[in-house]
């Protein structure tokens, strides 16, 4: 499994009762409430949710999400996509 696949499976296997916790972790990581997450902010959110994912794997995951190579991911877009995945369970 790739780091991205592992991350996706881990996050989507959480029960719906965990959805709010997951969304809050990513929203809380947005320092300055700019609707963007840098690699460091993304890592902080993932660390809150699961300490077993390595820093290197988090980096790989972040860069796979940041398809436009901007150095950040749009928080609202990421959370909306992610929340939709959680609700499909």
PDB file of N, CA and C in Angstrom:
ATOM      1  N   UNK A   1       0.827  -1.193   0.000  1.00  0.00           N
ATOM      2  CA  UNK A   1       0.000   0.000   0.000  1.00  0.00           C
ATOM      3  C   UNK A   1       0.870   1.255   0.000  1.00  0.00           C
ATOM      4  N   UNK A   2       0.428   2.250  -0.723  1.00  0.00           N
ATOM      5  CA  UNK A   2       1.140   3.522  -0.711  1.00  0.00           C
ATOM      6  C   UNK A   2       0.758   4.296   0.544  1.00  0.00           C
ATOM      7  N   UNK A   3       1.560   5.280   0.946  1.00  0.00           N
ATOM      8  CA  UNK A   3       1.186   6.100   2.104  1.00  0.00           C
ATOM      9  C   UNK A   3      -0.180   6.765   1.925  1.00  0.00           C
ATOM     10  N   UNK A   4      -0.473   7.218   0.705  1.00  0.00           N
ATOM     11  CA  UNK A   4      -1.757   7.878   0.458  1.00  0.00           C
ATOM     12  C   UNK A   4      -2.921   6.903   0.633  1.00  0.00           C
ATOM     13  N   UNK A   5      -2.772   5.688   0.127  1.00  0.00           N
ATOM     14  CA  UNK A   5      -3.814   4.677   0.277  1.00  0.00           C
ATOM     15  C   UNK A   5      -4.021   4.337   1.747  1.00  0.00           C
ATOM     16  N   UNK A   6      -2.926   4.173   2.465  1.00  0.00           N
ATOM     17  CA  UNK A   6      -3.003   3.876   3.888  1.00  0.00           C
ATOM     18  C   UNK A   6      -3.724   4.994   4.639  1.00  0.00           C
ATOM     19  N   UNK A   7      -3.366   6.237   4.335  1.00  0.00           N
ATOM     20  CA  UNK A   7      -4.009   7.395   4.963  1.00  0.00           C
ATOM     21  C   UNK A   7      -5.502   7.424   4.655  1.00  0.00           C
ATOM     22  N   UNK A   8      -5.855   7.236   3.405  1.00  0.00           N
ATOM     23  CA  UNK A   8      -7.263   7.266   3.000  1.00  0.00           C
ATOM     24  C   UNK A   8      -8.051   6.167   3.697  1.00  0.00           C
ATOM     25  N   UNK A   9      -7.516   4.978   3.725  1.00  0.00           N
ATOM     26  CA  UNK A   9      -8.214   3.878   4.386  1.00  0.00           C
ATOM     27  C   UNK A   9      -8.366   4.125   5.874  1.00  0.00           C
ATOM     28  N   UNK A  10      -7.322   4.617   6.491  1.00  0.00           N
ATOM     29  CA  UNK A  10      -7.359   4.885   7.923  1.00  0.00           C
ATOM     30  C   UNK A  10      -8.415   5.939   8.246  1.00  0.00           C
ATOM     31  N   UNK A  11      -8.423   7.009   7.489  1.00  0.00           N
ATOM     32  CA  UNK A  11      -9.353   8.110   7.769  1.00  0.00           C
ATOM     33  C   UNK A  11     -10.793   7.746   7.423  1.00  0.00           C
ATOM     34  N   UNK A  12     -11.016   6.952   6.386  1.00  0.00           N
ATOM     35  CA  UNK A  12     -12.390   6.628   5.997  1.00  0.00           C
ATOM     36  C   UNK A  12     -12.961   5.457   6.781  1.00  0.00           C
ATOM     37  N   UNK A  13     -12.127   4.690   7.466  1.00  0.00           N
ATOM     38  CA  UNK A  13     -12.632   3.593   8.277  1.00  0.00           C
ATOM     39  C   UNK A  13     -13.133   4.066   9.639  1.00  0.00           C
ATOM     40  N   UNK A  14     -12.860   5.301   9.977  1.00  0.00           N
ATOM     41  CA  UNK A  14     -13.363   5.847  11.235  1.00  0.00           C
ATOM     42  C   UNK A  14     -14.877   5.900  11.161  1.00  0.00           C
ATOM     43  N   UNK A  15     -15.538   5.676  12.265  1.00  0.00           N
ATOM     44  CA  UNK A  15     -16.995   5.757  12.293  1.00  0.00           C
ATOM     45  C   UNK A  15     -17.473   7.192  12.159  1.00  0.00           C
ATOM     46  N   UNK A  16     -18.728   7.359  11.810  1.00  0.00           N
ATOM     47  CA  UNK A  16     -19.279   8.711  11.655  1.00  0.00           C
ATOM     48  C   UNK A  16     -19.164   9.537  12.927  1.00  0.00           C
ATOM     49  N   UNK A  17     -19.136   8.873  14.096  1.00  0.00           N
ATOM     50  CA  UNK A  17     -18.984   9.610  15.344  1.00  0.00           C
ATOM     51  C   UNK A  17     -17.624  10.297  15.406  1.00  0.00           C
ATOM     52  N   UNK A  18     -16.676   9.844  14.610  1.00  0.00           N
ATOM     53  CA  UNK A  18     -15.341  10.436  14.578  1.00  0.00           C
ATOM     54  C   UNK A  18     -15.240  11.562  13.544  1.00  0.00           C
ATOM     55  N   UNK A  19     -16.238  11.703  12.688  1.00  0.00           N
ATOM     56  CA  UNK A  19     -16.171  12.690  11.607  1.00  0.00           C
ATOM     57  C   UNK A  19     -15.897  14.092  12.127  1.00  0.00           C
ATOM     58  N   UNK A  20     -16.613  14.505  13.167  1.00  0.00           N
ATOM     59  CA  UNK A  20     -16.414  15.847  13.704  1.00  0.00           C
ATOM     60  C   UNK A  20     -15.007  16.025  14.252  1.00  0.00           C
ATOM     61  N   UNK A  21     -14.481  14.995  14.893  1.00  0.00           N
ATOM     62  CA  UNK A  21     -13.116  15.062  15.431  1.00  0.00           C
ATOM     63  C   UNK A  21     -12.100  15.226  14.307  1.00  0.00           C
ATOM     64  N   UNK A  22     -12.289  14.499  13.229  1.00  0.00           N
ATOM     65  CA  UNK A  22     -11.371  14.567  12.092  1.00  0.00           C
ATOM     66  C   UNK A  22     -11.407  15.954  11.463  1.00  0.00           C
ATOM     67  N   UNK A  23     -12.603  16.457  11.217  1.00  0.00           N
ATOM     68  CA  UNK A  23     -12.743  17.776  10.610  1.00  0.00           C
ATOM     69  C   UNK A  23     -12.165  18.845  11.530  1.00  0.00           C
ATOM     70  N   UNK A  24     -12.429  18.757  12.816  1.00  0.00           N
ATOM     71  CA  UNK A  24     -11.915  19.728  13.777  1.00  0.00           C
ATOM     72  C   UNK A  24     -10.388  19.715  13.826  1.00  0.00           C
ATOM     73  N   UNK A  25      -9.785  18.544  13.722  1.00  0.00           N
ATOM     74  CA  UNK A  25      -8.319  18.459  13.746  1.00  0.00           C
ATOM     75  C   UNK A  25      -7.711  19.244  12.585  1.00  0.00           C
ATOM     76  N   UNK A  26      -8.286  19.106  11.406  1.00  0.00           N
ATOM     77  CA  UNK A  26      -7.756  19.839  10.254  1.00  0.00           C
ATOM     78  C   UNK A  26      -8.066  21.335  10.350  1.00  0.00           C
ATOM     79  N   UNK A  27      -9.269  21.685  10.803  1.00  0.00           N
ATOM     80  CA  UNK A  27      -9.598  23.103  10.967  1.00  0.00           C
ATOM     81  C   UNK A  27      -8.718  23.759  12.027  1.00  0.00           C
ATOM     82  N   UNK A  28      -8.450  23.055  13.119  1.00  0.00           N
ATOM     83  CA  UNK A  28      -7.620  23.598  14.194  1.00  0.00           C
ATOM     84  C   UNK A  28      -6.176  23.804  13.749  1.00  0.00           C
ATOM     85  N   UNK A  29      -5.727  23.014  12.810  1.00  0.00           N
ATOM     86  CA  UNK A  29      -4.349  23.124  12.333  1.00  0.00           C
ATOM     87  C   UNK A  29      -4.133  24.356  11.461  1.00  0.00           C
ATOM     88  N   UNK A  30      -5.201  24.986  11.005  1.00  0.00           N
ATOM     89  CA  UNK A  30      -5.117  26.156  10.125  1.00  0.00           C
ATOM     90  C   UNK A  30      -4.751  27.397  10.944  1.00  0.00           C
ATOM     91  N   UNK A  31      -3.456  27.583  11.187  1.00  0.00           N
ATOM     92  CA  UNK A  31      -2.974  28.723  11.961  1.00  0.00           C
ATOM     93  C   UNK A  31      -3.249  30.001  11.180  1.00  0.00           C
ATOM     94  N   UNK A  32      -3.919  30.941  11.813  1.00  0.00           N
ATOM     95  CA  UNK A  32      -4.251  32.199  11.154  1.00  0.00           C
ATOM     96  C   UNK A  32      -5.562  32.154  10.392  1.00  0.00           C
ATOM     97  N   UNK A  33      -6.249  31.044  10.411  1.00  0.00           N
ATOM     98  CA  UNK A  33      -7.541  30.848   9.753  1.00  0.00           C
ATOM     99  C   UNK A  33      -7.516  31.439   8.335  1.00  0.00           C
ATOM    100  N   UNK A  34      -6.631  30.894   7.526  1.00  0.00           N
ATOM    101  CA  UNK A  34      -6.444  31.373   6.155  1.00  0.00           C
ATOM    102  C   UNK A  34      -7.027  30.427   5.110  1.00  0.00           C
ATOM    103  N   UNK A  35      -7.693  29.349   5.578  1.00  0.00           N
ATOM    104  CA  UNK A  35      -8.293  28.334   4.713  1.00  0.00           C
ATOM    105  C   UNK A  35      -7.252  27.616   3.864  1.00  0.00           C
ATOM    106  N   UNK A  36      -6.039  27.501   4.389  1.00  0.00           N
ATOM    107  CA  UNK A  36      -4.983  26.764   3.715  1.00  0.00           C
ATOM    108  C   UNK A  36      -4.181  26.011   4.763  1.00  0.00           C
ATOM    109  N   UNK A  37      -3.707  24.851   4.386  1.00  0.00           N
ATOM    110  CA  UNK A  37      -2.827  24.100   5.272  1.00  0.00           C
ATOM    111  C   UNK A  37      -1.480  23.910   4.597  1.00  0.00           C
ATOM    112  N   UNK A  38      -0.441  24.312   5.291  1.00  0.00           N
ATOM    113  CA  UNK A  38       0.909  24.028   4.841  1.00  0.00           C
ATOM    114  C   UNK A  38       1.244  22.598   5.234  1.00  0.00           C
ATOM    115  N   UNK A  39       2.383  22.126   4.797  1.00  0.00           N
ATOM    116  CA  UNK A  39       2.820  20.781   5.161  1.00  0.00           C
ATOM    117  C   UNK A  39       2.886  20.633   6.679  1.00  0.00           C
ATOM    118  N   UNK A  40       3.467  21.601   7.355  1.00  0.00           N
ATOM    119  CA  UNK A  40       3.592  21.523   8.813  1.00  0.00           C
ATOM    120  C   UNK A  40       2.217  21.470   9.483  1.00  0.00           C
ATOM    121  N   UNK A  41       1.283  22.293   9.018  1.00  0.00           N
ATOM    122  CA  UNK A  41      -0.065  22.296   9.592  1.00  0.00           C
ATOM    123  C   UNK A  41      -0.784  20.975   9.315  1.00  0.00           C
ATOM    124  N   UNK A  42      -0.626  20.468   8.106  1.00  0.00           N
ATOM    125  CA  UNK A  42      -1.225  19.185   7.751  1.00  0.00           C
ATOM    126  C   UNK A  42      -0.658  18.076   8.638  1.00  0.00           C
ATOM    127  N   UNK A  43       0.664  18.096   8.838  1.00  0.00           N
ATOM    128  CA  UNK A  43       1.312  17.102   9.692  1.00  0.00           C
ATOM    129  C   UNK A  43       0.760  17.177  11.114  1.00  0.00           C
ATOM    130  N   UNK A  44       0.573  18.381  11.632  1.00  0.00           N
ATOM    131  CA  UNK A  44       0.026  18.532  12.983  1.00  0.00           C
ATOM    132  C   UNK A  44      -1.366  17.899  13.084  1.00  0.00           C
ATOM    133  N   UNK A  45      -2.196  18.114  12.079  1.00  0.00           N
ATOM    134  CA  UNK A  45      -3.549  17.541  12.093  1.00  0.00           C
ATOM    135  C   UNK A  45      -3.499  16.018  12.045  1.00  0.00           C
ATOM    136  N   UNK A  46      -2.671  15.475  11.167  1.00  0.00           N
ATOM    137  CA  UNK A  46      -2.578  14.022  11.047  1.00  0.00           C
ATOM    138  C   UNK A  46      -2.020  13.428  12.337  1.00  0.00           C
ATOM    139  N   UNK A  47      -1.039  14.090  12.947  1.00  0.00           N
ATOM    140  CA  UNK A  47      -0.471  13.607  14.212  1.00  0.00           C
ATOM    141  C   UNK A  47      -1.531  13.554  15.319  1.00  0.00           C
ATOM    142  N   UNK A  48      -2.442  14.526  15.328  1.00  0.00           N
ATOM    143  CA  UNK A  48      -3.521  14.521  16.322  1.00  0.00           C
ATOM    144  C   UNK A  48      -4.401  13.284  16.137  1.00  0.00           C
ATOM    145  N   UNK A  49      -4.633  12.917  14.892  1.00  0.00           N
ATOM    146  CA  UNK A  49      -5.541  11.813  14.577  1.00  0.00           C
ATOM    147  C   UNK A  49      -4.878  10.445  14.670  1.00  0.00           C
ATOM    148  N   UNK A  50      -3.606  10.370  14.334  1.00  0.00           N
ATOM    149  CA  UNK A  50      -2.921   9.075  14.337  1.00  0.00           C
ATOM    150  C   UNK A  50      -1.410   9.299  14.402  1.00  0.00           C
ATOM    151  N   UNK A  51      -0.813   8.875  15.491  1.00  0.00           N
ATOM    152  CA  UNK A  51       0.625   9.069  15.673  1.00  0.00           C
ATOM    153  C   UNK A  51       1.468   8.004  14.984  1.00  0.00           C
ATOM    154  N   UNK A  52       0.829   7.033  14.350  1.00  0.00           N
ATOM    155  CA  UNK A  52       1.590   5.940  13.752  1.00  0.00           C
ATOM    156  C   UNK A  52       2.041   6.225  12.319  1.00  0.00           C
ATOM    157  N   UNK A  53       1.523   7.259  11.710  1.00  0.00           N
ATOM    158  CA  UNK A  53       1.929   7.604  10.349  1.00  0.00           C
ATOM    159  C   UNK A  53       3.221   8.407  10.438  1.00  0.00           C
ATOM    160  N   UNK A  54       4.238   7.968   9.751  1.00  0.00           N
ATOM    161  CA  UNK A  54       5.551   8.615   9.849  1.00  0.00           C
ATOM    162  C   UNK A  54       5.541  10.001   9.216  1.00  0.00           C
ATOM    163  N   UNK A  55       6.479  10.821   9.645  1.00  0.00           N
ATOM    164  CA  UNK A  55       6.617  12.174   9.077  1.00  0.00           C
ATOM    165  C   UNK A  55       6.857  12.114   7.576  1.00  0.00           C
ATOM    166  N   UNK A  56       7.664  11.152   7.155  1.00  0.00           N
ATOM    167  CA  UNK A  56       7.943  11.008   5.724  1.00  0.00           C
ATOM    168  C   UNK A  56       6.662  10.666   4.961  1.00  0.00           C
ATOM    169  N   UNK A  57       5.875   9.735   5.488  1.00  0.00           N
ATOM    170  CA  UNK A  57       4.633   9.362   4.818  1.00  0.00           C
ATOM    171  C   UNK A  57       3.651  10.527   4.781  1.00  0.00           C
ATOM    172  N   UNK A  58       3.588  11.303   5.846  1.00  0.00           N
ATOM    173  CA  UNK A  58       2.721  12.482   5.854  1.00  0.00           C
ATOM    174  C   UNK A  58       3.153  13.452   4.767  1.00  0.00           C
ATOM    175  N   UNK A  59       4.440  13.613   4.606  1.00  0.00           N
ATOM    176  CA  UNK A  59       4.980  14.496   3.558  1.00  0.00           C
ATOM    177  C   UNK A  59       4.546  14.007   2.173  1.00  0.00           C
ATOM    178  N   UNK A  60       4.670  12.706   1.941  1.00  0.00           N
ATOM    179  CA  UNK A  60       4.275  12.116   0.655  1.00  0.00           C
ATOM    180  C   UNK A  60       2.778  12.335   0.414  1.00  0.00           C
ATOM    181  N   UNK A  61       1.970  12.086   1.445  1.00  0.00           N
ATOM    182  CA  UNK A  61       0.520  12.268   1.344  1.00  0.00           C
ATOM    183  C   UNK A  61       0.185  13.712   1.008  1.00  0.00           C
ATOM    184  N   UNK A  62       0.808  14.645   1.713  1.00  0.00           N
ATOM    185  CA  UNK A  62       0.555  16.063   1.480  1.00  0.00           C
ATOM    186  C   UNK A  62       0.839  16.439   0.028  1.00  0.00           C
ATOM    187  N   UNK A  63       1.973  15.991  -0.477  1.00  0.00           N
ATOM    188  CA  UNK A  63       2.336  16.352  -1.850  1.00  0.00           C
ATOM    189  C   UNK A  63       1.442  15.672  -2.885  1.00  0.00           C
ATOM    190  N   UNK A  64       0.859  14.542  -2.539  1.00  0.00           N
ATOM    191  CA  UNK A  64      -0.109  13.927  -3.450  1.00  0.00           C
ATOM    192  C   UNK A  64      -1.415  14.711  -3.460  1.00  0.00           C
ATOM    193  N   UNK A  65      -1.785  15.288  -2.329  1.00  0.00           N
ATOM    194  CA  UNK A  65      -2.994  16.100  -2.264  1.00  0.00           C
ATOM    195  C   UNK A  65      -2.763  17.443  -2.948  1.00  0.00           C
ATOM    196  N   UNK A  66      -1.568  18.008  -2.777  1.00  0.00           N
ATOM    197  CA  UNK A  66      -1.203  19.302  -3.375  1.00  0.00           C
ATOM    198  C   UNK A  66      -0.822  19.101  -4.837  1.00  0.00           C
ATOM    199  N   UNK A  67      -1.811  18.755  -5.636  1.00  0.00           N
ATOM    200  CA  UNK A  67      -1.559  18.414  -7.039  1.00  0.00           C
ATOM    201  C   UNK A  67      -1.055  19.601  -7.858  1.00  0.00           C
ATOM    202  N   UNK A  68      -1.351  20.826  -7.428  1.00  0.00           N
ATOM    203  CA  UNK A  68      -0.920  22.001  -8.176  1.00  0.00           C
ATOM    204  C   UNK A  68       0.445  22.511  -7.712  1.00  0.00           C
ATOM    205  N   UNK A  69       1.047  21.804  -6.766  1.00  0.00           N
ATOM    206  CA  UNK A  69       2.398  22.130  -6.276  1.00  0.00           C
ATOM    207  C   UNK A  69       2.491  23.565  -5.757  1.00  0.00           C
ATOM    208  N   UNK A  70       1.483  23.979  -4.980  1.00  0.00           N
ATOM    209  CA  UNK A  70       1.456  25.340  -4.436  1.00  0.00           C
ATOM    210  C   UNK A  70       2.129  25.439  -3.073  1.00  0.00           C
ATOM    211  N   UNK A  71       2.351  24.316  -2.419  1.00  0.00           N
ATOM    212  CA  UNK A  71       2.940  24.330  -1.086  1.00  0.00           C
ATOM    213  C   UNK A  71       1.894  24.414   0.010  1.00  0.00           C
ATOM    214  N   UNK A  72       0.641  24.316  -0.366  1.00  0.00           N
ATOM    215  CA  UNK A  72      -0.463  24.301   0.593  1.00  0.00           C
ATOM    216  C   UNK A  72      -1.648  23.599  -0.051  1.00  0.00           C
ATOM    217  N   UNK A  73      -2.581  23.184   0.810  1.00  0.00           N
ATOM    218  CA  UNK A  73      -3.827  22.623   0.290  1.00  0.00           C
ATOM    219  C   UNK A  73      -4.967  23.503   0.774  1.00  0.00           C
ATOM    220  N   UNK A  74      -5.976  23.626  -0.059  1.00  0.00           N
ATOM    221  CA  UNK A  74      -7.163  24.404   0.293  1.00  0.00           C
ATOM    222  C   UNK A  74      -7.941  23.627   1.339  1.00  0.00           C
ATOM    223  N   UNK A  75      -8.085  24.202   2.518  1.00  0.00           N
ATOM    224  CA  UNK A  75      -8.688  23.498   3.639  1.00  0.00           C
ATOM    225  C   UNK A  75     -10.150  23.149   3.393  1.00  0.00           C
ATOM    226  N   UNK A  76     -10.949  24.115   2.996  1.00  0.00           N
ATOM    227  CA  UNK A  76     -12.377  23.842   2.793  1.00  0.00           C
ATOM    228  C   UNK A  76     -12.601  22.756   1.750  1.00  0.00           C
ATOM    229  N   UNK A  77     -11.870  22.830   0.670  1.00  0.00           N
ATOM    230  CA  UNK A  77     -12.015  21.834  -0.392  1.00  0.00           C
ATOM    231  C   UNK A  77     -11.618  20.446   0.125  1.00  0.00           C
ATOM    232  N   UNK A  78     -10.518  20.367   0.851  1.00  0.00           N
ATOM    233  CA  UNK A  78     -10.069  19.096   1.407  1.00  0.00           C
ATOM    234  C   UNK A  78     -11.082  18.543   2.396  1.00  0.00           C
ATOM    235  N   UNK A  79     -11.576  19.380   3.306  1.00  0.00           N
ATOM    236  CA  UNK A  79     -12.526  18.935   4.330  1.00  0.00           C
ATOM    237  C   UNK A  79     -13.845  18.510   3.695  1.00  0.00           C
ATOM    238  N   UNK A  80     -14.330  19.264   2.705  1.00  0.00           N
ATOM    239  CA  UNK A  80     -15.581  18.894   2.041  1.00  0.00           C
ATOM    240  C   UNK A  80     -15.459  17.541   1.358  1.00  0.00           C
ATOM    241  N   UNK A  81     -14.369  17.320   0.671  1.00  0.00           N
ATOM    242  CA  UNK A  81     -14.155  16.038  -0.001  1.00  0.00           C
ATOM    243  C   UNK A  81     -14.032  14.925   1.033  1.00  0.00           C
ATOM    244  N   UNK A  82     -13.299  15.192   2.082  1.00  0.00           N
ATOM    245  CA  UNK A  82     -13.069  14.214   3.121  1.00  0.00           C
ATOM    246  C   UNK A  82     -14.349  13.907   3.890  1.00  0.00           C
ATOM    247  N   UNK A  83     -15.112  14.933   4.232  1.00  0.00           N
ATOM    248  CA  UNK A  83     -16.373  14.742   4.962  1.00  0.00           C
ATOM    249  C   UNK A  83     -17.351  13.934   4.116  1.00  0.00           C
ATOM    250  N   UNK A  84     -17.364  14.186   2.828  1.00  0.00           N
ATOM    251  CA  UNK A  84     -18.234  13.423   1.940  1.00  0.00           C
ATOM    252  C   UNK A  84     -17.862  11.954   1.929  1.00  0.00           C
ATOM    253  N   UNK A  85     -16.577  11.664   1.980  1.00  0.00           N
ATOM    254  CA  UNK A  85     -16.115  10.275   2.029  1.00  0.00           C
ATOM    255  C   UNK A  85     -16.563   9.617   3.308  1.00  0.00           C
ATOM    256  N   UNK A  86     -16.488  10.339   4.414  1.00  0.00           N
ATOM    257  CA  UNK A  86     -16.918   9.777   5.698  1.00  0.00           C
ATOM    258  C   UNK A  86     -18.411   9.514   5.725  1.00  0.00           C
ATOM    259  N   UNK A  87     -19.186  10.397   5.096  1.00  0.00           N
ATOM    260  CA  UNK A  87     -20.634  10.255   5.125  1.00  0.00           C
ATOM    261  C   UNK A  87     -21.114   9.096   4.261  1.00  0.00           C
ATOM    262  N   UNK A  88     -20.307   8.637   3.321  1.00  0.00           N
ATOM    263  CA  UNK A  88     -20.702   7.545   2.433  1.00  0.00           C
ATOM    264  C   UNK A  88     -20.738   6.201   3.138  1.00  0.00           C
ATOM    265  N   UNK A  89     -20.186   6.121   4.338  1.00  0.00           N
ATOM    266  CA  UNK A  89     -20.137   4.827   5.039  1.00  0.00           C
ATOM    267  C   UNK A  89     -21.517   4.306   5.370  1.00  0.00           C
TER     268      UNK A  89
END
